[in-house]
Amino acid sequence: MRNLMRGVVGLVGLFNVGLGITFLFEPARAMSRFFLTPVGTQGLATVRADFTAFFVTGGVFALIGAWRCARAPLLVPLSLLGIAIGGRCLSLILDGTPATAFPPMIAEAVMIAILLFARRTFADAAR
């Protein structure tokens, strides 16, 4: 089970790093998938910087956790995804519930569940 979770967490990490790299080098394509429109070159720079930082940081720490079979690095992507899904929930309350709101929430919830299960599995492996 431990090696299976290492592989699944590794895939979560690679997925997030891939998203981050797409925001860095192909921001127009990435922004369209996230329903974003930057205002001017500074808006584009903000998208490149902030979204790349979010996804690459979470992905790299997931990869570190998978590689080392370690629980602590998984706290970084768990924190990022937890805050993200919390913000989406608040948006549902304040802004309404379009059908497009749910697919990213499902993806975040699945990644959170995987990372939480991996933390439990990695803790068992450390004993």
C-alpha atoms as a PDB file:
ATOM      1  CA  MET A   1       0.000   0.000   0.000  1.00  0.00           C
ATOM      2  CA  ARG A   2       2.857   2.358   0.833  1.00  0.00           C
ATOM      3  CA  ASN A   3       4.398   2.099  -2.635  1.00  0.00           C
ATOM      4  CA  LEU A   4       0.998   2.498  -4.294  1.00  0.00           C
ATOM      5  CA  MET A   5       0.420   5.706  -2.343  1.00  0.00           C
ATOM      6  CA  ARG A   6       3.896   6.942  -3.194  1.00  0.00           C
ATOM      7  CA  GLY A   7       3.024   6.499  -6.869  1.00  0.00           C
ATOM      8  CA  VAL A   8      -0.383   8.171  -6.585  1.00  0.00           C
ATOM      9  CA  VAL A   9       1.045  11.109  -4.618  1.00  0.00           C
ATOM     10  CA  GLY A  10       3.804  11.342  -7.227  1.00  0.00           C
ATOM     11  CA  LEU A  11       1.132  11.639  -9.932  1.00  0.00           C
ATOM     12  CA  VAL A  12      -0.605  14.391  -7.935  1.00  0.00           C
ATOM     13  CA  GLY A  13       2.736  16.170  -7.682  1.00  0.00           C
ATOM     14  CA  LEU A  14       3.501  15.827 -11.391  1.00  0.00           C
ATOM     15  CA  PHE A  15      -0.005  17.017 -12.298  1.00  0.00           C
ATOM     16  CA  ASN A  16       0.427  20.164 -10.214  1.00  0.00           C
ATOM     17  CA  VAL A  17       3.960  20.869 -11.444  1.00  0.00           C
ATOM     18  CA  GLY A  18       2.654  20.463 -14.996  1.00  0.00           C
ATOM     19  CA  LEU A  19      -0.122  22.980 -14.347  1.00  0.00           C
ATOM     20  CA  GLY A  20       2.390  25.401 -12.877  1.00  0.00           C
ATOM     21  CA  ILE A  21       4.725  25.095 -15.841  1.00  0.00           C
ATOM     22  CA  THR A  22       1.792  25.653 -18.189  1.00  0.00           C
ATOM     23  CA  PHE A  23       0.954  28.896 -16.354  1.00  0.00           C
ATOM     24  CA  LEU A  24       4.577  29.947 -16.706  1.00  0.00           C
ATOM     25  CA  PHE A  25       5.135  29.190 -20.394  1.00  0.00           C
ATOM     26  CA  GLU A  26       1.611  29.027 -21.889  1.00  0.00           C
ATOM     27  CA  PRO A  27      -0.425  31.326 -19.677  1.00  0.00           C
ATOM     28  CA  ALA A  28      -3.130  32.007 -22.286  1.00  0.00           C
ATOM     29  CA  ARG A  29      -3.955  28.300 -22.554  1.00  0.00           C
ATOM     30  CA  ALA A  30      -3.881  27.816 -18.784  1.00  0.00           C
ATOM     31  CA  MET A  31      -5.952  30.928 -18.104  1.00  0.00           C
ATOM     32  CA  SER A  32      -8.714  29.803 -20.453  1.00  0.00           C
ATOM     33  CA  ARG A  33      -9.049  26.547 -18.492  1.00  0.00           C
ATOM     34  CA  PHE A  34      -9.352  28.532 -15.260  1.00  0.00           C
ATOM     35  CA  PHE A  35     -11.706  31.234 -16.634  1.00  0.00           C
ATOM     36  CA  LEU A  36      -9.107  33.983 -16.104  1.00  0.00           C
ATOM     37  CA  THR A  37      -8.484  37.175 -18.029  1.00  0.00           C
ATOM     38  CA  PRO A  38      -5.462  39.295 -17.054  1.00  0.00           C
ATOM     39  CA  VAL A  39      -5.513  43.077 -17.218  1.00  0.00           C
ATOM     40  CA  GLY A  40      -2.473  44.204 -19.186  1.00  0.00           C
ATOM     41  CA  THR A  41       1.067  42.934 -18.979  1.00  0.00           C
ATOM     42  CA  GLN A  42       1.167  43.264 -15.189  1.00  0.00           C
ATOM     43  CA  GLY A  43      -1.927  41.064 -14.921  1.00  0.00           C
ATOM     44  CA  LEU A  44      -0.224  38.486 -17.135  1.00  0.00           C
ATOM     45  CA  ALA A  45       2.915  38.695 -14.987  1.00  0.00           C
ATOM     46  CA  THR A  46       0.806  38.164 -11.865  1.00  0.00           C
ATOM     47  CA  VAL A  47      -0.845  35.098 -13.369  1.00  0.00           C
ATOM     48  CA  ARG A  48       2.549  33.710 -14.382  1.00  0.00           C
ATOM     49  CA  ALA A  49       4.053  34.349 -10.959  1.00  0.00           C
ATOM     50  CA  ASP A  50       1.250  33.501  -8.558  1.00  0.00           C
ATOM     51  CA  PHE A  51      -0.326  30.520 -10.296  1.00  0.00           C
ATOM     52  CA  THR A  52       3.064  29.045 -11.125  1.00  0.00           C
ATOM     53  CA  ALA A  53       4.131  29.470  -7.498  1.00  0.00           C
ATOM     54  CA  PHE A  54       0.941  27.854  -6.174  1.00  0.00           C
ATOM     55  CA  PHE A  55       1.009  24.788  -8.402  1.00  0.00           C
ATOM     56  CA  VAL A  56       4.767  24.210  -8.575  1.00  0.00           C
ATOM     57  CA  THR A  57       5.227  24.606  -4.811  1.00  0.00           C
ATOM     58  CA  GLY A  58       2.386  22.218  -4.003  1.00  0.00           C
ATOM     59  CA  GLY A  59       3.547  19.767  -6.639  1.00  0.00           C
ATOM     60  CA  VAL A  60       7.186  19.787  -5.597  1.00  0.00           C
ATOM     61  CA  PHE A  61       6.318  19.170  -1.956  1.00  0.00           C
ATOM     62  CA  ALA A  62       3.998  16.324  -2.966  1.00  0.00           C
ATOM     63  CA  LEU A  63       6.879  14.838  -4.969  1.00  0.00           C
ATOM     64  CA  ILE A  64       9.248  15.231  -2.012  1.00  0.00           C
ATOM     65  CA  GLY A  65       6.729  13.488   0.242  1.00  0.00           C
ATOM     66  CA  ALA A  66       6.304  10.659  -2.255  1.00  0.00           C
ATOM     67  CA  TRP A  67      10.035  10.260  -2.834  1.00  0.00           C
ATOM     68  CA  ARG A  68      10.910  10.217   0.871  1.00  0.00           C
ATOM     69  CA  CYS A  69       7.703   8.477   1.960  1.00  0.00           C
ATOM     70  CA  ALA A  70       7.422  11.367   4.403  1.00  0.00           C
ATOM     71  CA  ARG A  71       4.353  12.939   5.955  1.00  0.00           C
ATOM     72  CA  ALA A  72       5.638  16.456   6.687  1.00  0.00           C
ATOM     73  CA  PRO A  73       6.117  17.657   3.084  1.00  0.00           C
ATOM     74  CA  LEU A  74       2.502  16.734   2.325  1.00  0.00           C
ATOM     75  CA  LEU A  75       1.343  19.498   4.662  1.00  0.00           C
ATOM     76  CA  VAL A  76       2.290  22.078   2.023  1.00  0.00           C
ATOM     77  CA  PRO A  77       0.006  20.829  -0.784  1.00  0.00           C
ATOM     78  CA  LEU A  78      -2.678  19.981   1.790  1.00  0.00           C
ATOM     79  CA  SER A  79      -2.578  23.568   3.076  1.00  0.00           C
ATOM     80  CA  LEU A  80      -2.657  25.074  -0.405  1.00  0.00           C
ATOM     81  CA  LEU A  81      -5.506  22.853  -1.597  1.00  0.00           C
ATOM     82  CA  GLY A  82      -7.429  23.288   1.640  1.00  0.00           C
ATOM     83  CA  ILE A  83      -7.293  27.060   1.381  1.00  0.00           C
ATOM     84  CA  ALA A  84      -8.241  26.866  -2.309  1.00  0.00           C
ATOM     85  CA  ILE A  85     -11.296  24.693  -1.727  1.00  0.00           C
ATOM     86  CA  GLY A  86     -12.271  26.896   1.226  1.00  0.00           C
ATOM     87  CA  GLY A  87     -12.170  29.937  -1.049  1.00  0.00           C
ATOM     88  CA  ARG A  88     -14.288  28.121  -3.609  1.00  0.00           C
ATOM     89  CA  CYS A  89     -16.857  27.229  -0.942  1.00  0.00           C
ATOM     90  CA  LEU A  90     -17.024  30.855   0.145  1.00  0.00           C
ATOM     91  CA  SER A  91     -17.486  31.873  -3.479  1.00  0.00           C
ATOM     92  CA  LEU A  92     -20.412  29.448  -3.809  1.00  0.00           C
ATOM     93  CA  ILE A  93     -22.048  31.092  -0.813  1.00  0.00           C
ATOM     94  CA  LEU A  94     -21.383  34.683  -1.886  1.00  0.00           C
ATOM     95  CA  ASP A  95     -21.535  34.453  -5.679  1.00  0.00           C
ATOM     96  CA  GLY A  96     -23.864  31.567  -6.479  1.00  0.00           C
ATOM     97  CA  THR A  97     -23.384  28.066  -7.814  1.00  0.00           C
ATOM     98  CA  PRO A  98     -22.651  27.835 -11.524  1.00  0.00           C
ATOM     99  CA  ALA A  99     -22.138  24.316 -12.899  1.00  0.00           C
ATOM    100  CA  THR A 100     -18.539  25.228 -13.722  1.00  0.00           C
ATOM    101  CA  ALA A 101     -17.751  25.610 -10.006  1.00  0.00           C
ATOM    102  CA  PHE A 102     -17.868  21.915  -9.191  1.00  0.00           C
ATOM    103  CA  PRO A 103     -15.229  20.201 -11.408  1.00  0.00           C
ATOM    104  CA  PRO A 104     -12.271  22.061  -9.851  1.00  0.00           C
ATOM    105  CA  MET A 105     -13.695  21.481  -6.375  1.00  0.00           C
ATOM    106  CA  ILE A 106     -13.973  17.771  -7.073  1.00  0.00           C
ATOM    107  CA  ALA A 107     -10.378  17.679  -8.330  1.00  0.00           C
ATOM    108  CA  GLU A 108      -9.170  19.502  -5.214  1.00  0.00           C
ATOM    109  CA  ALA A 109     -11.201  17.251  -2.917  1.00  0.00           C
ATOM    110  CA  VAL A 110      -9.804  14.124  -4.583  1.00  0.00           C
ATOM    111  CA  MET A 111      -6.231  15.406  -4.254  1.00  0.00           C
ATOM    112  CA  ILE A 112      -6.856  16.296  -0.589  1.00  0.00           C
ATOM    113  CA  ALA A 113      -8.243  12.807   0.064  1.00  0.00           C
ATOM    114  CA  ILE A 114      -5.233  11.199  -1.635  1.00  0.00           C
ATOM    115  CA  LEU A 115      -2.771  13.313   0.336  1.00  0.00           C
ATOM    116  CA  LEU A 116      -4.543  12.656   3.642  1.00  0.00           C
ATOM    117  CA  PHE A 117      -4.612   8.918   2.987  1.00  0.00           C
ATOM    118  CA  ALA A 118      -0.936   9.036   2.027  1.00  0.00           C
ATOM    119  CA  ARG A 119      -0.094  10.822   5.285  1.00  0.00           C
ATOM    120  CA  ARG A 120      -1.816   8.037   7.172  1.00  0.00           C
ATOM    121  CA  THR A 121      -0.117   5.353   5.088  1.00  0.00           C
ATOM    122  CA  PHE A 122       3.297   6.973   5.417  1.00  0.00           C
ATOM    123  CA  ALA A 123       2.825   7.230   9.186  1.00  0.00           C
ATOM    124  CA  ASP A 124       2.107   3.500   9.345  1.00  0.00           C
ATOM    125  CA  ALA A 125       5.196   2.817   7.242  1.00  0.00           C
ATOM    126  CA  ALA A 126       7.386   4.825   9.634  1.00  0.00           C
ATOM    127  CA  ARG A 127       6.587   2.610  12.633  1.00  0.00           C
END
